[in-house]
Amino acid sequence: MSTVAVVDYGMGNLRSVAKAIEHVAPGSRVLVSSDAAVIAGADRVVVPGQGAMPDCMRQLSARGLRQAVIDAAAAKPFLGICVGLQMLFGHAEEGDVMGLEILPGRVPRFPHAAMVAPDGTRLKVPHMGWNQVQQVMAHPLWEGIEDGARFYFVHSYYVEPLGPEVIAGSTGYGIPFTSAIARANIFAVQFHPEKSAQAGLRLLANFMRWNP
């Protein structure tokens, strides 16, 4: 039986993520865990997250999970969600903290001056609600998902990769921003697939079948 560890570092929509994975992969064992050994022993790893980046990084270290996440991102199918995407990069403007630096890039806040819709109205930050994701690269996790499909977002910060080669999805909100990245065994998204109806469930199902 395939096992997937949903990393519990005290931040994130853990139960919703676990339930969504159980729904799309009923033959798999889903473990919500803060035990580094359990994460190391799992076949796949999901790192969800919501809330402030400084709190997330502090909790990750306090629970002894920092190295477990780094090791998982180096060795097995890995899915990051929301802050689970942002922590893969370097400097984050939120709290002036460093992420795990697994991927080169930074995590800025949406620029106030650019938060204007095409009709001239101001856009609110956080970016909250449904928005389209344009698929920038072909990838197994996009299989069966229409280009431009809508996913659910809640965030004030976004990732800015150093180079374009890892960008798997892009979304417009005042500015175009990276909403999905992919490299080798890593796939990570700014949106919440567990809250994104059929498109989100399909992405999770694709992850559970993915063998990079």
N, C-alpha and C. Protein backbone atom coordinates (compact mmCIF):
# COMPACT_ATOMS: atom_id res chain seq x y z
N MET A 1 0.85 -1.20 0.00
CA MET A 1 0.00 0.00 0.00
C MET A 1 0.88 1.25 0.00
N SER A 2 0.60 2.15 -0.91
CA SER A 2 1.34 3.41 -0.99
C SER A 2 0.99 4.29 0.21
N THR A 3 1.99 4.93 0.79
CA THR A 3 1.75 5.84 1.91
C THR A 3 2.11 7.27 1.51
N VAL A 4 1.31 8.22 1.97
CA VAL A 4 1.61 9.63 1.75
C VAL A 4 1.56 10.33 3.10
N ALA A 5 2.61 11.08 3.41
CA ALA A 5 2.67 11.84 4.65
C ALA A 5 2.27 13.29 4.39
N VAL A 6 1.29 13.76 5.15
CA VAL A 6 0.93 15.18 5.14
C VAL A 6 1.63 15.79 6.34
N VAL A 7 2.58 16.67 6.10
CA VAL A 7 3.45 17.16 7.16
C VAL A 7 2.69 18.11 8.08
N ASP A 8 2.65 17.76 9.36
CA ASP A 8 1.97 18.55 10.39
C ASP A 8 3.00 19.35 11.17
N TYR A 9 3.12 20.63 10.84
CA TYR A 9 4.01 21.50 11.62
C TYR A 9 3.20 22.61 12.31
N GLY A 10 1.92 22.30 12.53
CA GLY A 10 1.07 23.20 13.29
C GLY A 10 0.44 24.31 12.47
N MET A 11 0.66 24.32 11.16
CA MET A 11 0.13 25.37 10.30
C MET A 11 -0.49 24.73 9.07
N GLY A 12 -1.71 25.09 8.76
CA GLY A 12 -2.26 24.61 7.49
C GLY A 12 -3.55 23.83 7.64
N ASN A 13 -4.13 23.60 6.50
CA ASN A 13 -5.44 22.97 6.39
C ASN A 13 -5.26 21.46 6.31
N LEU A 14 -4.65 20.88 7.34
CA LEU A 14 -4.17 19.50 7.26
C LEU A 14 -5.29 18.51 7.01
N ARG A 15 -6.35 18.60 7.77
CA ARG A 15 -7.43 17.60 7.66
C ARG A 15 -8.14 17.70 6.31
N SER A 16 -8.33 18.90 5.82
CA SER A 16 -8.97 19.05 4.50
C SER A 16 -8.11 18.44 3.42
N VAL A 17 -6.79 18.66 3.51
CA VAL A 17 -5.87 18.08 2.53
C VAL A 17 -5.90 16.56 2.62
N ALA A 18 -5.82 16.03 3.85
CA ALA A 18 -5.82 14.58 4.03
C ALA A 18 -7.11 13.95 3.52
N LYS A 19 -8.24 14.57 3.82
CA LYS A 19 -9.53 14.03 3.38
C LYS A 19 -9.64 14.04 1.86
N ALA A 20 -9.14 15.10 1.23
CA ALA A 20 -9.19 15.18 -0.23
C ALA A 20 -8.33 14.08 -0.85
N ILE A 21 -7.16 13.82 -0.28
CA ILE A 21 -6.29 12.76 -0.81
C ILE A 21 -6.94 11.40 -0.59
N GLU A 22 -7.52 11.18 0.57
CA GLU A 22 -8.22 9.92 0.82
C GLU A 22 -9.34 9.70 -0.18
N HIS A 23 -10.00 10.78 -0.57
CA HIS A 23 -11.12 10.69 -1.52
C HIS A 23 -10.63 10.26 -2.90
N VAL A 24 -9.50 10.82 -3.34
CA VAL A 24 -9.03 10.54 -4.71
C VAL A 24 -8.15 9.29 -4.78
N ALA A 25 -7.62 8.84 -3.63
CA ALA A 25 -6.73 7.67 -3.61
C ALA A 25 -7.11 6.76 -2.45
N PRO A 26 -8.30 6.15 -2.53
CA PRO A 26 -8.80 5.35 -1.39
C PRO A 26 -7.92 4.15 -1.07
N GLY A 27 -7.08 3.72 -2.01
CA GLY A 27 -6.21 2.58 -1.74
C GLY A 27 -4.91 2.95 -1.07
N SER A 28 -4.71 4.24 -0.80
CA SER A 28 -3.47 4.70 -0.18
C SER A 28 -3.66 4.95 1.31
N ARG A 29 -2.55 4.95 2.02
CA ARG A 29 -2.56 5.24 3.45
C ARG A 29 -2.11 6.68 3.64
N VAL A 30 -2.97 7.52 4.21
CA VAL A 30 -2.68 8.94 4.39
C VAL A 30 -2.34 9.19 5.86
N LEU A 31 -1.12 9.66 6.11
CA LEU A 31 -0.64 9.87 7.47
C LEU A 31 -0.41 11.36 7.70
N VAL A 32 -1.19 11.96 8.59
CA VAL A 32 -0.93 13.34 9.01
C VAL A 32 0.05 13.24 10.18
N SER A 33 1.26 13.74 10.00
CA SER A 33 2.30 13.43 10.99
C SER A 33 3.27 14.58 11.22
N SER A 34 3.72 14.69 12.46
CA SER A 34 4.80 15.60 12.82
C SER A 34 6.05 14.82 13.22
N ASP A 35 6.09 13.55 12.85
CA ASP A 35 7.21 12.66 13.17
C ASP A 35 8.13 12.57 11.96
N ALA A 36 9.37 13.01 12.12
CA ALA A 36 10.32 13.02 11.00
C ALA A 36 10.55 11.62 10.45
N ALA A 37 10.50 10.60 11.31
CA ALA A 37 10.70 9.23 10.85
C ALA A 37 9.56 8.76 9.96
N VAL A 38 8.34 9.15 10.30
CA VAL A 38 7.18 8.79 9.48
C VAL A 38 7.28 9.46 8.11
N ILE A 39 7.69 10.73 8.11
CA ILE A 39 7.84 11.45 6.84
C ILE A 39 8.93 10.80 5.99
N ALA A 40 10.03 10.42 6.63
CA ALA A 40 11.13 9.78 5.91
C ALA A 40 10.71 8.44 5.31
N GLY A 41 9.78 7.74 5.98
CA GLY A 41 9.36 6.42 5.53
C GLY A 41 8.23 6.41 4.54
N ALA A 42 7.61 7.59 4.32
CA ALA A 42 6.47 7.66 3.41
C ALA A 42 6.94 7.61 1.96
N ASP A 43 6.06 7.12 1.08
CA ASP A 43 6.37 7.07 -0.36
C ASP A 43 6.25 8.44 -1.01
N ARG A 44 5.33 9.26 -0.49
CA ARG A 44 5.09 10.60 -1.02
C ARG A 44 4.92 11.57 0.14
N VAL A 45 5.18 12.84 -0.10
CA VAL A 45 5.08 13.84 0.96
C VAL A 45 4.33 15.06 0.44
N VAL A 46 3.39 15.54 1.26
CA VAL A 46 2.65 16.78 0.96
C VAL A 46 2.92 17.76 2.10
N VAL A 47 3.31 18.99 1.74
CA VAL A 47 3.53 20.04 2.74
C VAL A 47 2.53 21.16 2.48
N PRO A 48 1.42 21.16 3.22
CA PRO A 48 0.47 22.27 3.09
C PRO A 48 0.90 23.40 4.00
N GLY A 49 0.19 24.50 3.96
CA GLY A 49 0.51 25.59 4.85
C GLY A 49 -0.37 26.78 4.61
N GLN A 50 -0.70 27.47 5.69
CA GLN A 50 -1.37 28.75 5.57
C GLN A 50 -1.02 29.54 6.81
N GLY A 51 -1.11 30.87 6.70
CA GLY A 51 -0.67 31.71 7.80
C GLY A 51 0.61 32.44 7.44
N ALA A 52 1.28 32.98 8.44
CA ALA A 52 2.45 33.82 8.23
C ALA A 52 3.70 32.97 8.05
N MET A 53 4.52 33.35 7.08
CA MET A 53 5.75 32.62 6.79
C MET A 53 6.69 32.53 8.01
N PRO A 54 6.91 33.59 8.79
CA PRO A 54 7.80 33.45 9.94
C PRO A 54 7.31 32.38 10.93
N ASP A 55 6.00 32.34 11.16
CA ASP A 55 5.44 31.33 12.06
C ASP A 55 5.65 29.93 11.50
N CYS A 56 5.44 29.78 10.19
CA CYS A 56 5.59 28.47 9.56
C CYS A 56 7.04 27.97 9.65
N MET A 57 7.99 28.84 9.36
CA MET A 57 9.40 28.43 9.42
C MET A 57 9.81 28.13 10.85
N ARG A 58 9.33 28.91 11.79
CA ARG A 58 9.67 28.69 13.20
C ARG A 58 9.11 27.35 13.68
N GLN A 59 7.85 27.08 13.33
CA GLN A 59 7.22 25.82 13.75
C GLN A 59 7.89 24.61 13.09
N LEU A 60 8.29 24.76 11.84
CA LEU A 60 8.96 23.68 11.14
C LEU A 60 10.25 23.29 11.87
N SER A 61 11.00 24.28 12.29
CA SER A 61 12.24 24.01 13.02
C SER A 61 11.97 23.51 14.43
N ALA A 62 10.99 24.11 15.11
CA ALA A 62 10.70 23.74 16.49
C ALA A 62 10.26 22.29 16.62
N ARG A 63 9.61 21.77 15.58
CA ARG A 63 9.15 20.39 15.61
C ARG A 63 10.15 19.41 15.01
N GLY A 64 11.33 19.91 14.66
CA GLY A 64 12.37 19.05 14.13
C GLY A 64 12.08 18.50 12.75
N LEU A 65 11.34 19.28 11.94
CA LEU A 65 10.89 18.79 10.64
C LEU A 65 11.59 19.45 9.46
N ARG A 66 12.42 20.42 9.73
CA ARG A 66 13.08 21.15 8.64
C ARG A 66 13.87 20.20 7.74
N GLN A 67 14.74 19.39 8.33
CA GLN A 67 15.57 18.49 7.53
C GLN A 67 14.73 17.41 6.86
N ALA A 68 13.67 16.96 7.52
CA ALA A 68 12.80 15.94 6.93
C ALA A 68 12.15 16.45 5.66
N VAL A 69 11.75 17.72 5.65
CA VAL A 69 11.13 18.31 4.46
C VAL A 69 12.18 18.49 3.36
N ILE A 70 13.37 18.94 3.72
CA ILE A 70 14.45 19.10 2.75
C ILE A 70 14.79 17.74 2.11
N ASP A 71 14.89 16.70 2.94
CA ASP A 71 15.21 15.37 2.43
C ASP A 71 14.11 14.84 1.51
N ALA A 72 12.85 15.07 1.90
CA ALA A 72 11.73 14.62 1.07
C ALA A 72 11.73 15.31 -0.29
N ALA A 73 12.02 16.61 -0.28
CA ALA A 73 12.04 17.38 -1.53
C ALA A 73 13.17 16.93 -2.45
N ALA A 74 14.16 16.26 -1.89
CA ALA A 74 15.30 15.79 -2.69
C ALA A 74 15.10 14.39 -3.24
N ALA A 75 14.12 13.64 -2.69
CA ALA A 75 14.15 12.20 -2.95
C ALA A 75 12.85 11.53 -3.35
N LYS A 76 11.71 12.19 -3.18
CA LYS A 76 10.45 11.47 -3.44
C LYS A 76 9.40 12.43 -3.98
N PRO A 77 8.31 11.92 -4.56
CA PRO A 77 7.25 12.82 -5.03
C PRO A 77 6.80 13.76 -3.92
N PHE A 78 6.89 15.05 -4.20
CA PHE A 78 6.71 16.10 -3.19
C PHE A 78 5.74 17.13 -3.72
N LEU A 79 4.71 17.44 -2.93
CA LEU A 79 3.72 18.45 -3.30
C LEU A 79 3.68 19.51 -2.21
N GLY A 80 3.96 20.76 -2.59
CA GLY A 80 3.83 21.89 -1.68
C GLY A 80 2.58 22.68 -2.00
N ILE A 81 1.88 23.14 -0.96
CA ILE A 81 0.64 23.88 -1.13
C ILE A 81 0.72 25.20 -0.37
N CYS A 82 0.48 26.32 -1.04
CA CYS A 82 0.43 27.66 -0.46
C CYS A 82 1.78 27.99 0.20
N VAL A 83 1.84 28.12 1.52
CA VAL A 83 3.12 28.38 2.17
C VAL A 83 4.08 27.21 1.95
N GLY A 84 3.54 26.03 1.69
CA GLY A 84 4.38 24.88 1.34
C GLY A 84 5.11 25.06 0.02
N LEU A 85 4.59 25.94 -0.85
CA LEU A 85 5.32 26.40 -2.04
C LEU A 85 6.34 27.47 -1.65
N GLN A 86 5.88 28.47 -0.92
CA GLN A 86 6.73 29.63 -0.62
C GLN A 86 7.99 29.24 0.15
N MET A 87 7.88 28.28 1.05
CA MET A 87 9.04 27.91 1.88
C MET A 87 10.15 27.23 1.08
N LEU A 88 9.87 26.80 -0.15
CA LEU A 88 10.90 26.18 -0.98
C LEU A 88 11.93 27.19 -1.45
N PHE A 89 11.61 28.48 -1.39
CA PHE A 89 12.47 29.52 -1.93
C PHE A 89 13.28 30.20 -0.83
N GLY A 90 13.92 31.30 -1.16
CA GLY A 90 14.83 31.98 -0.24
C GLY A 90 14.15 33.06 0.56
N HIS A 91 14.62 34.31 0.39
CA HIS A 91 14.15 35.40 1.24
C HIS A 91 12.66 35.70 1.03
N ALA A 92 11.94 35.80 2.14
CA ALA A 92 10.52 36.18 2.13
C ALA A 92 10.37 37.55 2.76
N GLU A 93 9.65 38.44 2.06
CA GLU A 93 9.42 39.78 2.61
C GLU A 93 8.59 39.72 3.89
N GLU A 94 7.71 38.74 3.97
CA GLU A 94 6.88 38.61 5.18
C GLU A 94 7.76 38.22 6.36
N GLY A 95 7.97 39.16 7.26
CA GLY A 95 8.78 38.89 8.45
C GLY A 95 10.28 38.88 8.19
N ASP A 96 10.69 39.17 6.93
CA ASP A 96 12.12 39.22 6.60
C ASP A 96 12.83 37.93 7.02
N VAL A 97 12.29 36.80 6.58
CA VAL A 97 12.85 35.50 6.95
C VAL A 97 13.33 34.76 5.71
N MET A 98 14.16 33.74 5.94
CA MET A 98 14.62 32.89 4.86
C MET A 98 13.81 31.61 4.83
N GLY A 99 13.49 31.16 3.61
CA GLY A 99 12.86 29.87 3.44
C GLY A 99 13.91 28.77 3.45
N LEU A 100 13.58 27.64 2.87
CA LEU A 100 14.47 26.48 2.88
C LEU A 100 15.55 26.57 1.79
N GLU A 101 15.39 27.48 0.86
CA GLU A 101 16.37 27.71 -0.22
C GLU A 101 16.62 26.45 -1.05
N ILE A 102 15.58 25.66 -1.24
CA ILE A 102 15.67 24.49 -2.12
C ILE A 102 15.68 24.94 -3.58
N LEU A 103 14.94 26.00 -3.86
CA LEU A 103 14.88 26.58 -5.20
C LEU A 103 15.32 28.04 -5.12
N PRO A 104 16.06 28.53 -6.14
CA PRO A 104 16.49 29.93 -6.11
C PRO A 104 15.36 30.88 -6.43
N GLY A 105 15.24 31.92 -5.61
CA GLY A 105 14.19 32.90 -5.81
C GLY A 105 13.78 33.51 -4.50
N ARG A 106 12.75 34.36 -4.55
CA ARG A 106 12.32 35.08 -3.35
C ARG A 106 10.79 35.09 -3.28
N VAL A 107 10.28 35.63 -2.17
CA VAL A 107 8.83 35.64 -1.93
C VAL A 107 8.40 37.06 -1.56
N PRO A 108 8.08 37.89 -2.56
CA PRO A 108 7.65 39.26 -2.29
C PRO A 108 6.15 39.36 -2.03
N ARG A 109 5.74 40.53 -1.52
CA ARG A 109 4.33 40.85 -1.35
C ARG A 109 3.80 41.46 -2.64
N PHE A 110 2.51 41.27 -2.89
CA PHE A 110 1.90 41.94 -4.03
C PHE A 110 2.16 43.45 -3.92
N PRO A 111 2.69 44.07 -4.97
CA PRO A 111 3.00 45.51 -4.91
C PRO A 111 1.73 46.35 -4.93
N HIS A 112 1.60 47.23 -3.95
CA HIS A 112 0.38 48.03 -3.79
C HIS A 112 0.04 48.81 -5.05
N ALA A 113 1.05 49.42 -5.67
CA ALA A 113 0.79 50.28 -6.84
C ALA A 113 0.22 49.51 -8.02
N ALA A 114 0.50 48.21 -8.09
CA ALA A 114 0.05 47.40 -9.23
C ALA A 114 -1.30 46.73 -9.00
N MET A 115 -1.86 46.91 -7.81
CA MET A 115 -3.11 46.21 -7.50
C MET A 115 -4.32 46.95 -8.05
N VAL A 116 -4.40 46.96 -9.38
CA VAL A 116 -5.48 47.65 -10.08
C VAL A 116 -6.03 46.70 -11.15
N ALA A 117 -7.35 46.53 -11.16
CA ALA A 117 -8.00 45.67 -12.15
C ALA A 117 -8.04 46.37 -13.50
N PRO A 118 -8.29 45.62 -14.59
CA PRO A 118 -8.37 46.25 -15.92
C PRO A 118 -9.38 47.39 -16.00
N ASP A 119 -10.43 47.33 -15.17
CA ASP A 119 -11.43 48.42 -15.22
C ASP A 119 -11.07 49.59 -14.31
N GLY A 120 -9.89 49.54 -13.69
CA GLY A 120 -9.43 50.65 -12.87
C GLY A 120 -9.74 50.54 -11.39
N THR A 121 -10.53 49.56 -10.98
CA THR A 121 -10.85 49.40 -9.56
C THR A 121 -9.66 48.79 -8.83
N ARG A 122 -9.57 49.09 -7.55
CA ARG A 122 -8.48 48.56 -6.73
C ARG A 122 -8.71 47.08 -6.44
N LEU A 123 -7.64 46.32 -6.47
CA LEU A 123 -7.69 44.91 -6.10
C LEU A 123 -7.29 44.76 -4.64
N LYS A 124 -7.99 43.91 -3.93
CA LYS A 124 -7.71 43.71 -2.51
C LYS A 124 -6.57 42.73 -2.31
N VAL A 125 -5.80 42.96 -1.27
CA VAL A 125 -4.80 42.01 -0.81
C VAL A 125 -5.15 41.69 0.64
N PRO A 126 -5.30 40.40 1.01
CA PRO A 126 -4.91 39.23 0.23
C PRO A 126 -5.76 38.96 -1.00
N HIS A 127 -5.11 38.33 -1.97
CA HIS A 127 -5.78 37.77 -3.15
C HIS A 127 -6.57 36.57 -2.65
N MET A 128 -7.89 36.67 -2.69
CA MET A 128 -8.73 35.64 -2.10
C MET A 128 -9.86 35.29 -3.04
N GLY A 129 -9.96 34.00 -3.38
CA GLY A 129 -11.05 33.55 -4.24
C GLY A 129 -10.55 32.76 -5.43
N TRP A 130 -11.42 32.59 -6.39
CA TRP A 130 -11.14 31.75 -7.56
C TRP A 130 -10.44 32.56 -8.63
N ASN A 131 -9.43 31.93 -9.25
CA ASN A 131 -8.73 32.60 -10.35
C ASN A 131 -8.18 31.54 -11.29
N GLN A 132 -7.93 31.97 -12.51
CA GLN A 132 -7.44 31.04 -13.54
C GLN A 132 -5.95 30.76 -13.39
N VAL A 133 -5.56 29.55 -13.76
CA VAL A 133 -4.15 29.17 -13.82
C VAL A 133 -3.83 28.77 -15.26
N GLN A 134 -2.91 29.50 -15.85
CA GLN A 134 -2.44 29.18 -17.19
C GLN A 134 -1.27 28.19 -17.06
N GLN A 135 -1.34 27.10 -17.77
CA GLN A 135 -0.31 26.07 -17.68
C GLN A 135 0.88 26.46 -18.55
N VAL A 136 1.98 26.78 -17.91
CA VAL A 136 3.17 27.28 -18.61
C VAL A 136 4.00 26.14 -19.17
N MET A 137 3.99 25.00 -18.50
CA MET A 137 4.71 23.83 -19.00
C MET A 137 3.80 22.61 -18.96
N ALA A 138 4.03 21.69 -19.86
CA ALA A 138 3.33 20.41 -19.79
C ALA A 138 3.86 19.63 -18.61
N HIS A 139 2.96 19.00 -17.87
CA HIS A 139 3.39 18.26 -16.68
C HIS A 139 2.34 17.20 -16.36
N PRO A 140 2.74 16.04 -15.84
CA PRO A 140 1.77 15.00 -15.49
C PRO A 140 0.70 15.46 -14.49
N LEU A 141 1.01 16.44 -13.64
CA LEU A 141 0.00 16.88 -12.67
C LEU A 141 -1.10 17.74 -13.30
N TRP A 142 -0.88 18.20 -14.53
CA TRP A 142 -1.93 18.94 -15.25
C TRP A 142 -2.81 18.00 -16.07
N GLU A 143 -2.52 16.73 -16.10
CA GLU A 143 -3.28 15.81 -16.95
C GLU A 143 -4.77 15.85 -16.62
N GLY A 144 -5.58 16.03 -17.65
CA GLY A 144 -7.03 16.06 -17.47
C GLY A 144 -7.58 17.36 -16.92
N ILE A 145 -6.71 18.38 -16.73
CA ILE A 145 -7.12 19.68 -16.22
C ILE A 145 -7.01 20.70 -17.35
N GLU A 146 -8.08 21.37 -17.65
CA GLU A 146 -8.11 22.34 -18.75
C GLU A 146 -7.18 23.50 -18.48
N ASP A 147 -6.42 23.91 -19.49
CA ASP A 147 -5.60 25.11 -19.36
C ASP A 147 -6.52 26.29 -19.07
N GLY A 148 -6.18 27.08 -18.07
CA GLY A 148 -7.04 28.18 -17.67
C GLY A 148 -8.09 27.79 -16.64
N ALA A 149 -8.01 26.56 -16.14
CA ALA A 149 -8.96 26.13 -15.09
C ALA A 149 -8.82 27.03 -13.87
N ARG A 150 -9.91 27.12 -13.10
CA ARG A 150 -9.93 28.01 -11.94
C ARG A 150 -9.64 27.22 -10.67
N PHE A 151 -8.81 27.83 -9.83
CA PHE A 151 -8.45 27.26 -8.53
C PHE A 151 -8.66 28.31 -7.45
N TYR A 152 -8.68 27.87 -6.19
CA TYR A 152 -8.98 28.77 -5.07
C TYR A 152 -7.69 29.25 -4.40
N PHE A 153 -7.56 30.56 -4.27
CA PHE A 153 -6.37 31.20 -3.70
C PHE A 153 -6.70 31.95 -2.41
N VAL A 154 -5.75 31.99 -1.48
CA VAL A 154 -5.78 32.90 -0.33
C VAL A 154 -4.33 33.24 0.00
N HIS A 155 -3.86 34.43 -0.42
CA HIS A 155 -2.45 34.79 -0.14
C HIS A 155 -2.20 36.26 -0.42
N SER A 156 -1.18 36.78 0.27
CA SER A 156 -0.73 38.16 0.07
C SER A 156 0.67 38.21 -0.54
N TYR A 157 1.34 37.08 -0.56
CA TYR A 157 2.72 36.97 -1.07
C TYR A 157 2.74 35.91 -2.16
N TYR A 158 3.75 35.98 -3.01
CA TYR A 158 3.84 35.04 -4.13
C TYR A 158 5.32 34.73 -4.38
N VAL A 159 5.60 33.63 -5.05
CA VAL A 159 7.00 33.29 -5.32
C VAL A 159 7.47 33.94 -6.62
N GLU A 160 8.73 34.32 -6.61
CA GLU A 160 9.37 34.90 -7.79
C GLU A 160 10.64 34.09 -8.05
N PRO A 161 10.53 33.00 -8.84
CA PRO A 161 11.71 32.17 -9.10
C PRO A 161 12.80 32.97 -9.82
N LEU A 162 14.06 32.60 -9.55
CA LEU A 162 15.18 33.29 -10.18
C LEU A 162 15.16 33.10 -11.69
N GLY A 163 14.79 31.91 -12.15
CA GLY A 163 14.72 31.64 -13.59
C GLY A 163 13.36 31.07 -13.96
N PRO A 164 12.99 31.16 -15.25
CA PRO A 164 11.67 30.72 -15.68
C PRO A 164 11.52 29.21 -15.83
N GLU A 165 12.62 28.46 -15.75
CA GLU A 165 12.57 27.04 -16.09
C GLU A 165 11.74 26.21 -15.11
N VAL A 166 11.47 26.73 -13.91
CA VAL A 166 10.67 25.96 -12.94
C VAL A 166 9.20 26.36 -12.95
N ILE A 167 8.83 27.38 -13.72
CA ILE A 167 7.46 27.88 -13.68
C ILE A 167 6.53 26.94 -14.44
N ALA A 168 5.57 26.38 -13.73
CA ALA A 168 4.61 25.43 -14.32
C ALA A 168 3.24 26.05 -14.53
N GLY A 169 2.93 27.13 -13.79
CA GLY A 169 1.64 27.77 -13.91
C GLY A 169 1.74 29.25 -13.58
N SER A 170 0.91 30.06 -14.23
CA SER A 170 0.92 31.50 -14.02
C SER A 170 -0.51 32.02 -13.88
N THR A 171 -0.66 33.05 -13.04
CA THR A 171 -1.99 33.62 -12.77
C THR A 171 -1.86 35.14 -12.78
N GLY A 172 -2.90 35.83 -13.19
CA GLY A 172 -2.89 37.28 -13.18
C GLY A 172 -3.71 37.84 -12.03
N TYR A 173 -3.10 38.74 -11.26
CA TYR A 173 -3.82 39.48 -10.23
C TYR A 173 -3.08 40.81 -10.06
N GLY A 174 -3.46 41.79 -10.87
CA GLY A 174 -2.71 43.05 -10.91
C GLY A 174 -1.43 42.87 -11.70
N ILE A 175 -0.68 41.85 -11.39
CA ILE A 175 0.53 41.46 -12.12
C ILE A 175 0.42 39.97 -12.44
N PRO A 176 1.15 39.49 -13.44
CA PRO A 176 1.24 38.04 -13.60
C PRO A 176 2.18 37.49 -12.53
N PHE A 177 1.78 36.42 -11.87
CA PHE A 177 2.65 35.82 -10.85
C PHE A 177 2.68 34.30 -11.02
N THR A 178 3.73 33.70 -10.50
CA THR A 178 3.90 32.25 -10.59
C THR A 178 2.96 31.57 -9.61
N SER A 179 2.07 30.72 -10.13
CA SER A 179 1.11 30.02 -9.26
C SER A 179 1.38 28.53 -9.15
N ALA A 180 2.36 28.02 -9.91
CA ALA A 180 2.77 26.62 -9.78
C ALA A 180 4.21 26.48 -10.26
N ILE A 181 4.97 25.63 -9.59
CA ILE A 181 6.35 25.38 -10.02
C ILE A 181 6.56 23.86 -10.10
N ALA A 182 7.53 23.47 -10.91
CA ALA A 182 7.87 22.05 -11.03
C ALA A 182 9.35 21.92 -11.30
N ARG A 183 9.98 20.99 -10.60
CA ARG A 183 11.36 20.61 -10.88
C ARG A 183 11.57 19.18 -10.41
N ALA A 184 11.94 18.32 -11.34
CA ALA A 184 12.22 16.90 -11.01
C ALA A 184 11.05 16.31 -10.24
N ASN A 185 11.26 15.92 -8.98
CA ASN A 185 10.23 15.27 -8.18
C ASN A 185 9.37 16.25 -7.38
N ILE A 186 9.58 17.55 -7.57
CA ILE A 186 8.85 18.57 -6.82
C ILE A 186 7.79 19.21 -7.69
N PHE A 187 6.58 19.34 -7.14
CA PHE A 187 5.53 20.16 -7.74
C PHE A 187 4.92 20.94 -6.59
N ALA A 188 4.70 22.23 -6.78
CA ALA A 188 4.14 23.04 -5.69
C ALA A 188 3.26 24.14 -6.27
N VAL A 189 2.21 24.47 -5.54
CA VAL A 189 1.20 25.40 -6.04
C VAL A 189 0.86 26.45 -4.99
N GLN A 190 0.53 27.66 -5.47
CA GLN A 190 0.12 28.73 -4.56
C GLN A 190 -1.34 28.56 -4.14
N PHE A 191 -2.15 27.97 -4.99
CA PHE A 191 -3.57 27.79 -4.69
C PHE A 191 -3.79 26.58 -3.78
N HIS A 192 -5.04 26.38 -3.39
CA HIS A 192 -5.41 25.27 -2.51
C HIS A 192 -6.19 24.23 -3.30
N PRO A 193 -5.54 23.15 -3.77
CA PRO A 193 -6.29 22.14 -4.53
C PRO A 193 -7.40 21.49 -3.70
N GLU A 194 -7.20 21.39 -2.40
CA GLU A 194 -8.21 20.75 -1.54
C GLU A 194 -9.49 21.58 -1.44
N LYS A 195 -9.44 22.84 -1.89
CA LYS A 195 -10.61 23.73 -1.88
C LYS A 195 -11.06 24.09 -3.30
N SER A 196 -10.51 23.39 -4.30
CA SER A 196 -10.68 23.81 -5.69
C SER A 196 -11.53 22.86 -6.53
N ALA A 197 -12.53 22.24 -5.89
CA ALA A 197 -13.51 21.42 -6.61
C ALA A 197 -12.83 20.38 -7.48
N GLN A 198 -13.40 20.10 -8.66
CA GLN A 198 -12.93 18.97 -9.47
C GLN A 198 -11.51 19.15 -9.99
N ALA A 199 -11.14 20.37 -10.37
CA ALA A 199 -9.79 20.60 -10.87
C ALA A 199 -8.75 20.30 -9.78
N GLY A 200 -9.06 20.72 -8.56
CA GLY A 200 -8.15 20.47 -7.45
C GLY A 200 -8.04 18.99 -7.11
N LEU A 201 -9.17 18.30 -7.12
CA LEU A 201 -9.15 16.86 -6.84
C LEU A 201 -8.39 16.12 -7.93
N ARG A 202 -8.53 16.56 -9.17
CA ARG A 202 -7.81 15.90 -10.26
C ARG A 202 -6.30 16.08 -10.08
N LEU A 203 -5.89 17.28 -9.67
CA LEU A 203 -4.46 17.52 -9.45
C LEU A 203 -3.93 16.60 -8.34
N LEU A 204 -4.69 16.46 -7.26
CA LEU A 204 -4.27 15.57 -6.16
C LEU A 204 -4.23 14.11 -6.62
N ALA A 205 -5.21 13.72 -7.42
CA ALA A 205 -5.21 12.35 -7.95
C ALA A 205 -4.01 12.12 -8.86
N ASN A 206 -3.68 13.12 -9.68
CA ASN A 206 -2.51 13.02 -10.54
C ASN A 206 -1.24 12.89 -9.71
N PHE A 207 -1.15 13.65 -8.63
CA PHE A 207 0.02 13.55 -7.75
C PHE A 207 0.18 12.16 -7.17
N MET A 208 -0.94 11.56 -6.79
CA MET A 208 -0.88 10.23 -6.17
C MET A 208 -0.50 9.14 -7.17
N ARG A 209 -0.62 9.43 -8.47
CA ARG A 209 -0.22 8.47 -9.51
C ARG A 209 1.15 8.78 -10.09
N TRP A 210 1.68 9.94 -9.77
CA TRP A 210 2.89 10.47 -10.41
C TRP A 210 4.12 9.70 -9.95
N ASN A 211 4.92 9.28 -10.92
CA ASN A 211 6.18 8.60 -10.61
C ASN A 211 7.32 9.30 -11.35
N PRO A 212 7.81 10.41 -10.76
CA PRO A 212 8.88 11.18 -11.43
C PRO A 212 10.20 10.41 -11.48
